[in-house]
Amino acid sequence: MVETTEKKERANSGAAGPREAPDVTRTTCVVVGGGPGGAVLALLLARKGVDVTLLEAHPDFDREFRGDTLHPSVMEIMDQLGLAERLLELRHSKISSLTIQTDEGPFSPIDLSRLKTKFPYITVMPQTSFLEFITGEAKRYPNFRLVMGARVRELVEEDGAVRGVRYEGEVGLHEVQAALTVGADGRGSRVRRLAGIESKKTSPPMDVLWFKLPRETGDAEGIVGQFGRGHIAVMLDRKDHWQAGYVIPKGTFPELRHEGIGELKRQFAELIPKFADRLEHLTDWRKVSLLSVESSRCPTWHRPGLLLIGDAAHVMSPVAGVGINYAVQDAVSAANILDGPLRESQGRLVVVDEKHLAAVQRRRELPTRVIQAFQAQIQKNVLAPALGSSGPFSPPLLLKLLPRIPVLRDLPGRLIGYGVWTSRVKS
């Protein structure tokens, strides 16, 4: 069970000011970041009997324009946990292939329908629903604790090892002491910065503007992609609306913004004319969100007492929507490798030996490198030429031939659905 004690000074002095000693909580593992990777890791550790505290900086899980795609790898993990059927009772849609509309007509370079799995499709589900479901399951275990609105301010360090975090909550400053601190707080990871771990970045050739458009009766379902004359758009089915993504060359947003919201609407309507009449809902830039696309990877994902997973360790490009899936697989590998050492340290809060943290990185680094290399090739050979062209867009010959070559046609679906290898939950 999680043990909580208060400093006597706070009890004696009433409400604490920002400089007073914080409340102190002891737990075996503190996970910073309630995204898919952090939430799944917390659930897995709680199921294994490890005392775990999950800290989420926001007061709820509701965010706009977050990744909502659960690939077969994640659905199989949910199935191993006995949760897949109940998860699929939530509102969702299924996509078995990706079709891209070009000036030459449609083509489908990715098909998951032939994968040998109970889930030969991508499950599109609001990330909010997924996170509420996972944390709801974790709450069934008395050794799990969720703190919303917990903004981490500093690491607790002792003898060169990280021993927890201090965070600002709704009332005052709090401290969580732990045998292991896990940074799962996304691409802008504060834990990573506080730990002094640097990531190596690449420069993808694009950024993405996200905005909402209304759905109408008779609209297609799933994901719609459109390439043409220097522009790329993707439409994600959100049941009651479309999440529209408009891909622009890297660094060109200030110029487009200067030209006005009308120019964005004109370009988008030219690319997808059937949605032109719905753009009247896009009245100003406040309804547009800019995703500055990047891809990066930390050379080292750990320090004594500290582990990074998910986007905190390796920021993924949005190409193929694999970010959630790699974060969840990181979580599974971490739980498999660390549950024994964490249970051994429980109660005494002995810092987990760094060799175990290095083993997590060894397990997950190769799959990460491979998918990032794949994304880089798509960006270089497909997206960059498409954005740089003023004429009709023609996909690379190899991409058009893949679906026609039996021995090769399933490779893209396999890579996107699972990666190099998938993580399985250890009994």
Protein backbone atom coordinates (compact mmCIF):
# COMPACT_ATOMS: atom_id res chain seq x y z
CA MET A 1 0.00 0.00 0.00
CA VAL A 2 1.06 3.57 -0.61
CA GLU A 3 2.11 5.25 2.64
CA THR A 4 1.49 8.99 3.20
CA THR A 5 2.99 11.16 5.98
CA GLU A 6 2.89 14.89 6.59
CA LYS A 7 5.70 17.03 7.83
CA LYS A 8 5.01 18.27 11.38
CA GLU A 9 5.81 21.82 10.37
CA ARG A 10 2.88 21.81 7.91
CA ALA A 11 0.48 20.40 10.46
CA ASN A 12 1.52 23.01 12.98
CA SER A 13 1.51 25.99 10.63
CA GLY A 14 -1.69 25.33 8.64
CA ALA A 15 -1.73 26.01 4.86
CA ALA A 16 1.73 25.77 3.37
CA GLY A 17 3.41 28.47 1.32
CA PRO A 18 5.55 27.70 -1.69
CA ARG A 19 8.76 27.62 0.39
CA GLU A 20 7.49 25.30 3.15
CA ALA A 21 8.38 21.62 3.40
CA PRO A 22 6.20 19.52 1.12
CA ASP A 23 3.90 16.65 2.01
CA VAL A 24 5.87 13.44 1.55
CA THR A 25 4.52 10.27 -0.02
CA ARG A 26 6.45 7.01 -0.37
CA THR A 27 5.81 4.58 -3.19
CA THR A 28 7.88 1.99 -5.03
CA CYS A 29 7.54 3.50 -8.51
CA VAL A 30 6.37 6.96 -9.51
CA VAL A 31 5.35 7.39 -13.16
CA VAL A 32 5.26 10.97 -14.46
CA GLY A 33 2.85 11.41 -17.35
CA GLY A 34 -0.63 9.91 -17.76
CA GLY A 35 -0.43 9.28 -21.50
CA PRO A 36 -0.76 5.79 -23.01
CA GLY A 37 2.74 4.64 -22.04
CA GLY A 38 2.60 5.92 -18.48
CA ALA A 39 -0.96 4.71 -17.85
CA VAL A 40 -0.31 1.20 -19.21
CA LEU A 41 2.94 0.89 -17.23
CA ALA A 42 1.16 1.94 -14.03
CA LEU A 43 -1.61 -0.63 -14.66
CA LEU A 44 0.86 -3.44 -15.36
CA LEU A 45 2.92 -2.71 -12.24
CA ALA A 46 -0.19 -2.45 -10.07
CA ARG A 47 -1.37 -5.83 -11.36
CA LYS A 48 2.00 -7.31 -10.37
CA GLY A 49 1.70 -6.02 -6.82
CA VAL A 50 4.07 -3.05 -7.12
CA ASP A 51 3.10 0.15 -5.30
CA VAL A 52 2.82 2.75 -8.06
CA THR A 53 1.83 6.42 -8.22
CA LEU A 54 0.85 7.97 -11.55
CA LEU A 55 1.19 11.76 -11.83
CA GLU A 56 -0.64 13.65 -14.60
CA ALA A 57 -0.04 17.39 -15.02
CA HIS A 58 -3.51 18.19 -16.38
CA PRO A 59 -6.78 18.04 -14.42
CA ASP A 60 -8.28 15.57 -16.93
CA PHE A 61 -7.36 13.49 -19.99
CA ASP A 62 -9.37 15.54 -22.47
CA ARG A 63 -7.07 17.05 -25.12
CA GLU A 64 -7.66 18.01 -28.72
CA PHE A 65 -5.66 16.60 -31.62
CA ARG A 66 -3.98 13.71 -29.80
CA GLY A 67 -3.12 10.40 -31.44
CA ASP A 68 -6.08 8.04 -31.40
CA THR A 69 -4.84 4.96 -33.28
CA LEU A 70 -4.37 1.62 -31.52
CA HIS A 71 -2.53 -0.79 -33.80
CA PRO A 72 -2.75 -4.61 -33.65
CA SER A 73 0.24 -4.74 -31.28
CA VAL A 74 -1.64 -2.75 -28.63
CA MET A 75 -4.89 -4.66 -29.12
CA GLU A 76 -3.03 -7.94 -28.63
CA ILE A 77 -1.54 -6.56 -25.40
CA MET A 78 -5.04 -5.62 -24.27
CA ASP A 79 -6.17 -9.15 -25.14
CA GLN A 80 -3.35 -10.67 -23.08
CA LEU A 81 -4.64 -8.62 -20.16
CA GLY A 82 -8.21 -9.81 -20.74
CA LEU A 83 -9.33 -6.26 -21.56
CA ALA A 84 -9.74 -6.23 -25.36
CA GLU A 85 -13.42 -7.15 -25.50
CA ARG A 86 -14.44 -4.52 -22.96
CA LEU A 87 -12.22 -1.92 -24.60
CA LEU A 88 -13.93 -2.53 -27.93
CA GLU A 89 -17.31 -1.88 -26.31
CA LEU A 90 -16.27 1.79 -26.26
CA ARG A 91 -16.99 3.98 -29.27
CA HIS A 92 -14.44 3.30 -32.00
CA SER A 93 -13.95 2.64 -35.69
CA LYS A 94 -11.73 0.14 -37.51
CA ILE A 95 -9.41 0.68 -40.46
CA SER A 96 -7.94 -2.26 -42.35
CA SER A 97 -6.13 -0.33 -45.07
CA LEU A 98 -4.88 3.13 -45.88
CA THR A 99 -6.05 4.58 -49.18
CA ILE A 100 -4.41 7.70 -50.58
CA GLN A 101 -6.09 9.82 -53.23
CA THR A 102 -3.69 11.30 -55.79
CA ASP A 103 -3.98 13.01 -59.18
CA GLU A 104 -3.44 9.58 -60.75
CA GLY A 105 -6.23 8.01 -58.70
CA PRO A 106 -6.38 6.08 -55.41
CA PHE A 107 -3.85 3.52 -54.25
CA SER A 108 -3.53 1.51 -51.03
CA PRO A 109 0.09 0.92 -49.97
CA ILE A 110 -0.82 -0.47 -46.53
CA ASP A 111 -3.19 -3.38 -45.87
CA LEU A 112 -3.54 -4.97 -42.44
CA SER A 113 -6.42 -7.29 -43.30
CA ARG A 114 -4.11 -10.25 -44.02
CA LEU A 115 -2.25 -10.10 -40.71
CA LYS A 116 -2.62 -13.30 -38.67
CA THR A 117 -4.26 -11.77 -35.62
CA LYS A 118 -7.65 -11.35 -33.98
CA PHE A 119 -7.23 -7.62 -34.67
CA PRO A 120 -6.26 -7.17 -38.36
CA TYR A 121 -7.02 -3.47 -38.30
CA ILE A 122 -6.20 -0.15 -36.67
CA THR A 123 -8.63 0.74 -33.88
CA VAL A 124 -9.45 4.46 -33.96
CA MET A 125 -10.61 5.52 -30.51
CA PRO A 126 -10.46 8.86 -28.69
CA GLN A 127 -7.32 8.80 -26.56
CA THR A 128 -9.35 10.24 -23.71
CA SER A 129 -11.55 7.11 -23.71
CA PHE A 130 -8.53 4.81 -23.80
CA LEU A 131 -6.80 6.57 -20.89
CA GLU A 132 -9.95 6.66 -18.76
CA PHE A 133 -10.42 2.95 -19.42
CA ILE A 134 -6.83 2.03 -18.49
CA THR A 135 -6.71 4.16 -15.34
CA GLY A 136 -10.16 2.89 -14.38
CA GLU A 137 -8.77 -0.65 -14.49
CA ALA A 138 -5.72 0.39 -12.46
CA LYS A 139 -7.94 1.89 -9.75
CA ARG A 140 -9.18 -1.60 -8.96
CA TYR A 141 -5.82 -2.28 -7.28
CA PRO A 142 -5.22 -0.80 -3.80
CA ASN A 143 -1.51 -0.28 -4.55
CA PHE A 144 -2.28 2.18 -7.40
CA ARG A 145 -2.62 5.92 -6.87
CA LEU A 146 -3.53 8.52 -9.52
CA VAL A 147 -2.89 12.23 -8.93
CA MET A 148 -4.32 14.65 -11.50
CA GLY A 149 -3.10 18.24 -11.77
CA ALA A 150 0.36 17.23 -10.51
CA ARG A 151 2.93 19.53 -12.14
CA VAL A 152 6.44 18.18 -11.52
CA ARG A 153 8.89 20.92 -10.53
CA GLU A 154 12.09 19.06 -9.58
CA LEU A 155 13.68 15.69 -9.07
CA VAL A 156 14.53 14.36 -5.61
CA GLU A 157 18.16 13.29 -5.78
CA GLU A 158 20.46 11.63 -3.27
CA ASP A 159 24.01 10.30 -3.75
CA GLY A 160 23.78 10.75 -7.53
CA ALA A 161 20.53 8.79 -7.86
CA VAL A 162 17.00 10.01 -8.55
CA ARG A 163 14.80 9.16 -5.54
CA GLY A 164 11.48 10.66 -6.67
CA VAL A 165 9.96 14.01 -7.63
CA ARG A 166 8.49 17.14 -6.14
CA TYR A 167 5.31 18.42 -7.75
CA GLU A 168 2.89 21.26 -7.34
CA GLY A 169 -0.69 20.14 -6.79
CA GLU A 170 -3.99 21.83 -6.17
CA VAL A 171 -2.85 22.61 -2.62
CA GLY A 172 0.82 23.32 -2.12
CA LEU A 173 3.97 21.37 -2.87
CA HIS A 174 4.22 17.59 -2.60
CA GLU A 175 7.05 15.09 -2.71
CA VAL A 176 6.95 11.46 -3.86
CA GLN A 177 9.90 9.31 -2.81
CA ALA A 178 10.39 6.18 -4.90
CA ALA A 179 12.82 3.42 -5.81
CA LEU A 180 12.23 4.24 -9.48
CA THR A 181 11.03 7.35 -11.28
CA VAL A 182 9.70 6.87 -14.82
CA GLY A 183 9.46 9.82 -17.20
CA ALA A 184 6.55 9.16 -19.55
CA ASP A 185 5.63 12.80 -19.98
CA GLY A 186 5.80 13.14 -23.74
CA ARG A 187 7.85 14.93 -26.35
CA GLY A 188 8.38 18.02 -24.19
CA SER A 189 9.36 15.87 -21.19
CA ARG A 190 10.13 17.95 -18.13
CA VAL A 191 11.60 14.88 -16.41
CA ARG A 192 14.06 14.48 -19.29
CA ARG A 193 15.14 18.12 -19.01
CA LEU A 194 15.49 17.97 -15.24
CA ALA A 195 17.60 14.83 -15.58
CA GLY A 196 19.91 16.56 -18.06
CA ILE A 197 19.37 13.92 -20.74
CA GLU A 198 19.74 15.29 -24.26
CA SER A 199 17.95 13.94 -27.33
CA LYS A 200 19.29 13.87 -30.88
CA LYS A 201 16.80 15.49 -33.25
CA THR A 202 16.20 15.17 -36.95
CA SER A 203 14.35 17.70 -39.10
CA PRO A 204 11.28 16.22 -40.81
CA PRO A 205 10.25 18.29 -43.85
CA MET A 206 6.79 19.24 -42.62
CA ASP A 207 4.50 20.59 -39.94
CA VAL A 208 0.79 19.82 -39.52
CA LEU A 209 -2.14 22.16 -38.94
CA TRP A 210 -5.04 20.46 -37.14
CA PHE A 211 -8.63 21.71 -37.08
CA LYS A 212 -12.16 20.34 -36.89
CA LEU A 213 -14.73 20.11 -39.68
CA PRO A 214 -18.33 18.89 -39.38
CA ARG A 215 -19.37 15.45 -40.59
CA GLU A 216 -22.35 14.97 -42.87
CA THR A 217 -24.56 12.01 -43.67
CA GLY A 218 -22.99 9.83 -46.34
CA ASP A 219 -19.39 10.76 -45.53
CA ALA A 220 -16.77 8.02 -45.76
CA GLU A 221 -15.51 6.42 -42.56
CA GLY A 222 -12.01 5.91 -41.19
CA ILE A 223 -9.02 7.80 -42.58
CA VAL A 224 -9.01 9.77 -45.82
CA GLY A 225 -5.72 10.97 -47.33
CA GLN A 226 -5.30 13.37 -50.24
CA PHE A 227 -2.11 14.31 -52.13
CA GLY A 228 -1.94 16.86 -54.92
CA ARG A 229 -0.05 19.86 -56.34
CA GLY A 230 2.19 20.63 -53.41
CA HIS A 231 -0.39 19.91 -50.70
CA ILE A 232 -1.27 16.99 -48.41
CA ALA A 233 -4.33 16.54 -46.24
CA VAL A 234 -5.51 13.75 -43.96
CA MET A 235 -9.01 13.43 -42.51
CA LEU A 236 -9.50 11.38 -39.34
CA ASP A 237 -12.99 10.11 -38.57
CA ARG A 238 -14.08 11.23 -35.09
CA LYS A 239 -17.70 10.04 -35.54
CA ASP A 240 -19.31 13.42 -34.74
CA HIS A 241 -16.72 15.48 -36.66
CA TRP A 242 -13.63 15.23 -38.85
CA GLN A 243 -10.19 15.97 -37.48
CA ALA A 244 -8.51 17.58 -40.46
CA GLY A 245 -4.75 17.64 -40.77
CA TYR A 246 -3.19 19.95 -43.36
CA VAL A 247 0.49 19.23 -43.99
CA ILE A 248 2.69 22.22 -44.83
CA PRO A 249 6.44 22.53 -45.54
CA LYS A 250 8.53 22.94 -42.41
CA GLY A 251 8.73 26.51 -41.14
CA THR A 252 6.13 28.01 -43.52
CA PHE A 253 3.40 28.55 -40.93
CA PRO A 254 4.32 32.18 -40.11
CA GLU A 255 3.95 33.12 -43.78
CA LEU A 256 0.63 31.30 -44.10
CA ARG A 257 -0.66 32.89 -40.92
CA HIS A 258 0.32 36.32 -42.23
CA GLU A 259 -1.72 35.68 -45.38
CA GLY A 260 -4.77 35.01 -43.23
CA ILE A 261 -7.18 32.21 -42.41
CA GLY A 262 -8.80 32.72 -45.79
CA GLU A 263 -5.66 31.48 -47.55
CA LEU A 264 -5.66 28.26 -45.50
CA LYS A 265 -9.31 27.71 -46.39
CA ARG A 266 -8.63 28.39 -50.07
CA GLN A 267 -5.74 25.91 -50.24
CA PHE A 268 -7.67 23.21 -48.39
CA ALA A 269 -10.78 23.64 -50.55
CA GLU A 270 -8.62 23.38 -53.67
CA LEU A 271 -7.20 20.08 -52.43
CA ILE A 272 -10.50 18.55 -51.21
CA PRO A 273 -13.34 20.43 -52.99
CA LYS A 274 -16.11 18.34 -51.38
CA PHE A 275 -15.27 19.89 -48.00
CA ALA A 276 -15.17 23.48 -49.27
CA ASP A 277 -18.60 24.42 -47.93
CA ARG A 278 -17.70 23.17 -44.43
CA LEU A 279 -14.77 25.53 -44.05
CA GLU A 280 -17.09 28.34 -43.00
CA HIS A 281 -16.73 26.90 -39.50
CA LEU A 282 -13.02 27.76 -39.60
CA THR A 283 -13.40 31.41 -38.68
CA ASP A 284 -10.01 32.28 -37.13
CA TRP A 285 -6.60 30.92 -36.19
CA ARG A 286 -7.74 30.12 -32.66
CA LYS A 287 -9.47 27.07 -34.12
CA VAL A 288 -6.21 25.82 -35.66
CA SER A 289 -3.49 23.92 -33.76
CA LEU A 290 0.09 23.71 -35.06
CA LEU A 291 2.01 20.45 -34.61
CA SER A 292 5.69 21.11 -35.15
CA VAL A 293 6.77 17.72 -36.44
CA GLU A 294 10.02 16.34 -35.10
CA SER A 295 11.73 13.01 -34.64
CA SER A 296 14.34 12.39 -31.99
CA ARG A 297 15.89 9.73 -29.79
CA CYS A 298 17.88 9.89 -26.58
CA PRO A 299 21.24 8.08 -26.71
CA THR A 300 20.61 7.02 -23.10
CA TRP A 301 17.13 6.48 -21.64
CA HIS A 302 18.15 6.14 -18.01
CA ARG A 303 20.08 7.40 -15.01
CA PRO A 304 20.37 5.78 -11.57
CA GLY A 305 16.79 5.67 -10.29
CA LEU A 306 15.30 7.08 -13.51
CA LEU A 307 13.93 5.62 -16.77
CA LEU A 308 12.43 7.36 -19.80
CA ILE A 309 9.85 5.68 -22.05
CA GLY A 310 7.63 6.69 -24.96
CA ASP A 311 8.05 10.14 -26.48
CA ALA A 312 10.16 11.18 -23.49
CA ALA A 313 12.83 8.77 -24.79
CA HIS A 314 12.08 8.89 -28.53
CA VAL A 315 9.80 11.40 -30.24
CA MET A 316 8.00 9.86 -33.20
CA SER A 317 6.97 11.54 -36.42
CA PRO A 318 3.19 11.27 -36.99
CA VAL A 319 3.87 9.18 -40.12
CA ALA A 320 1.81 5.94 -39.79
CA GLY A 321 0.53 7.01 -36.34
CA VAL A 322 2.76 4.61 -34.40
CA GLY A 323 3.58 6.82 -31.40
CA ILE A 324 0.99 5.36 -28.99
CA ASN A 325 1.91 1.82 -29.94
CA TYR A 326 5.63 2.22 -29.31
CA ALA A 327 4.97 3.94 -25.98
CA VAL A 328 2.70 1.06 -24.88
CA GLN A 329 5.25 -1.55 -26.00
CA ASP A 330 7.93 0.36 -24.06
CA ALA A 331 5.65 0.10 -21.02
CA VAL A 332 5.16 -3.65 -21.43
CA SER A 333 8.90 -4.30 -21.79
CA ALA A 334 9.62 -2.11 -18.76
CA ALA A 335 7.05 -3.94 -16.63
CA ASN A 336 8.36 -7.34 -17.74
CA ILE A 337 11.96 -6.49 -16.88
CA LEU A 338 11.45 -4.36 -13.77
CA ASP A 339 8.62 -5.99 -11.83
CA GLY A 340 11.01 -8.38 -10.02
CA PRO A 341 13.56 -5.73 -9.01
CA LEU A 342 10.76 -3.36 -7.97
CA ARG A 343 9.04 -5.95 -5.78
CA GLU A 344 12.40 -6.75 -4.16
CA SER A 345 12.94 -3.07 -3.31
CA GLN A 346 9.38 -2.53 -2.09
CA GLY A 347 9.20 -1.13 1.43
CA ARG A 348 12.95 -0.41 1.66
CA LEU A 349 12.92 1.83 -1.47
CA VAL A 350 16.32 0.60 -2.61
CA VAL A 351 17.13 2.22 -5.97
CA VAL A 352 16.69 -0.23 -8.83
CA ASP A 353 20.04 -1.35 -10.27
CA GLU A 354 20.73 0.61 -13.44
CA LYS A 355 21.56 -2.59 -15.35
CA HIS A 356 17.83 -3.39 -15.34
CA LEU A 357 17.01 0.05 -16.76
CA ALA A 358 19.64 -0.45 -19.47
CA ALA A 359 17.98 -3.78 -20.32
CA VAL A 360 14.72 -1.94 -21.07
CA GLN A 361 16.52 0.35 -23.51
CA ARG A 362 18.29 -2.60 -25.17
CA ARG A 363 14.95 -4.33 -25.68
CA ARG A 364 13.23 -1.32 -27.20
CA GLU A 365 15.96 0.66 -28.96
CA LEU A 366 16.24 -1.46 -32.14
CA PRO A 367 12.47 -1.40 -32.90
CA THR A 368 12.53 2.35 -32.34
CA ARG A 369 15.49 2.87 -34.66
CA VAL A 370 13.88 0.77 -37.39
CA ILE A 371 10.50 2.53 -37.36
CA GLN A 372 12.15 5.96 -37.24
CA ALA A 373 14.29 5.00 -40.24
CA PHE A 374 11.12 3.87 -42.04
CA GLN A 375 9.40 7.16 -41.21
CA ALA A 376 12.45 9.10 -42.42
CA GLN A 377 12.32 7.32 -45.78
CA ILE A 378 8.61 8.07 -46.19
CA GLN A 379 9.25 11.70 -45.32
CA LYS A 380 12.19 11.97 -47.70
CA ASN A 381 10.85 10.02 -50.68
CA VAL A 382 7.09 10.64 -50.48
CA LEU A 383 6.13 13.62 -48.35
CA ALA A 384 8.95 16.02 -49.22
CA PRO A 385 8.52 15.54 -53.01
CA ALA A 386 4.76 15.89 -52.65
CA LEU A 387 5.09 19.16 -50.73
CA GLY A 388 7.72 20.49 -53.13
CA SER A 389 5.76 19.77 -56.31
CA SER A 390 3.60 22.32 -58.13
CA GLY A 391 2.25 19.70 -60.52
CA PRO A 392 0.40 16.38 -60.19
CA PHE A 393 1.79 14.06 -57.52
CA SER A 394 2.93 10.57 -58.55
CA PRO A 395 3.88 8.09 -55.80
CA PRO A 396 7.30 6.42 -56.08
CA LEU A 397 7.25 3.36 -58.32
CA LEU A 398 8.21 0.97 -55.49
CA LEU A 399 5.30 2.21 -53.38
CA LYS A 400 2.89 1.56 -56.24
CA LEU A 401 4.34 -1.90 -56.91
CA LEU A 402 4.31 -3.14 -53.29
CA PRO A 403 0.60 -4.11 -53.23
CA ARG A 404 1.09 -6.14 -56.43
CA ILE A 405 4.03 -8.29 -55.25
CA PRO A 406 2.72 -11.11 -53.01
CA VAL A 407 6.00 -11.63 -51.15
CA LEU A 408 6.27 -7.91 -50.30
CA ARG A 409 2.72 -6.62 -50.05
CA ASP A 410 2.26 -7.53 -46.38
CA LEU A 411 5.54 -6.01 -45.17
CA PRO A 412 4.26 -2.42 -44.67
CA GLY A 413 1.21 -3.66 -42.74
CA ARG A 414 3.37 -5.92 -40.61
CA LEU A 415 5.88 -3.16 -39.84
CA ILE A 416 3.20 -0.63 -38.95
CA GLY A 417 1.01 -3.10 -37.09
CA TYR A 418 3.75 -4.63 -34.95
CA GLY A 419 7.18 -3.16 -35.62
CA VAL A 420 10.32 -5.33 -35.72
CA TRP A 421 8.95 -7.40 -32.87
CA THR A 422 6.11 -6.86 -30.46
CA SER A 423 6.19 -6.83 -26.69
CA ARG A 424 4.10 -9.45 -24.91
CA VAL A 425 2.86 -9.26 -21.34
CA LYS A 426 4.85 -11.65 -19.13
CA SER A 427 2.68 -13.84 -16.94
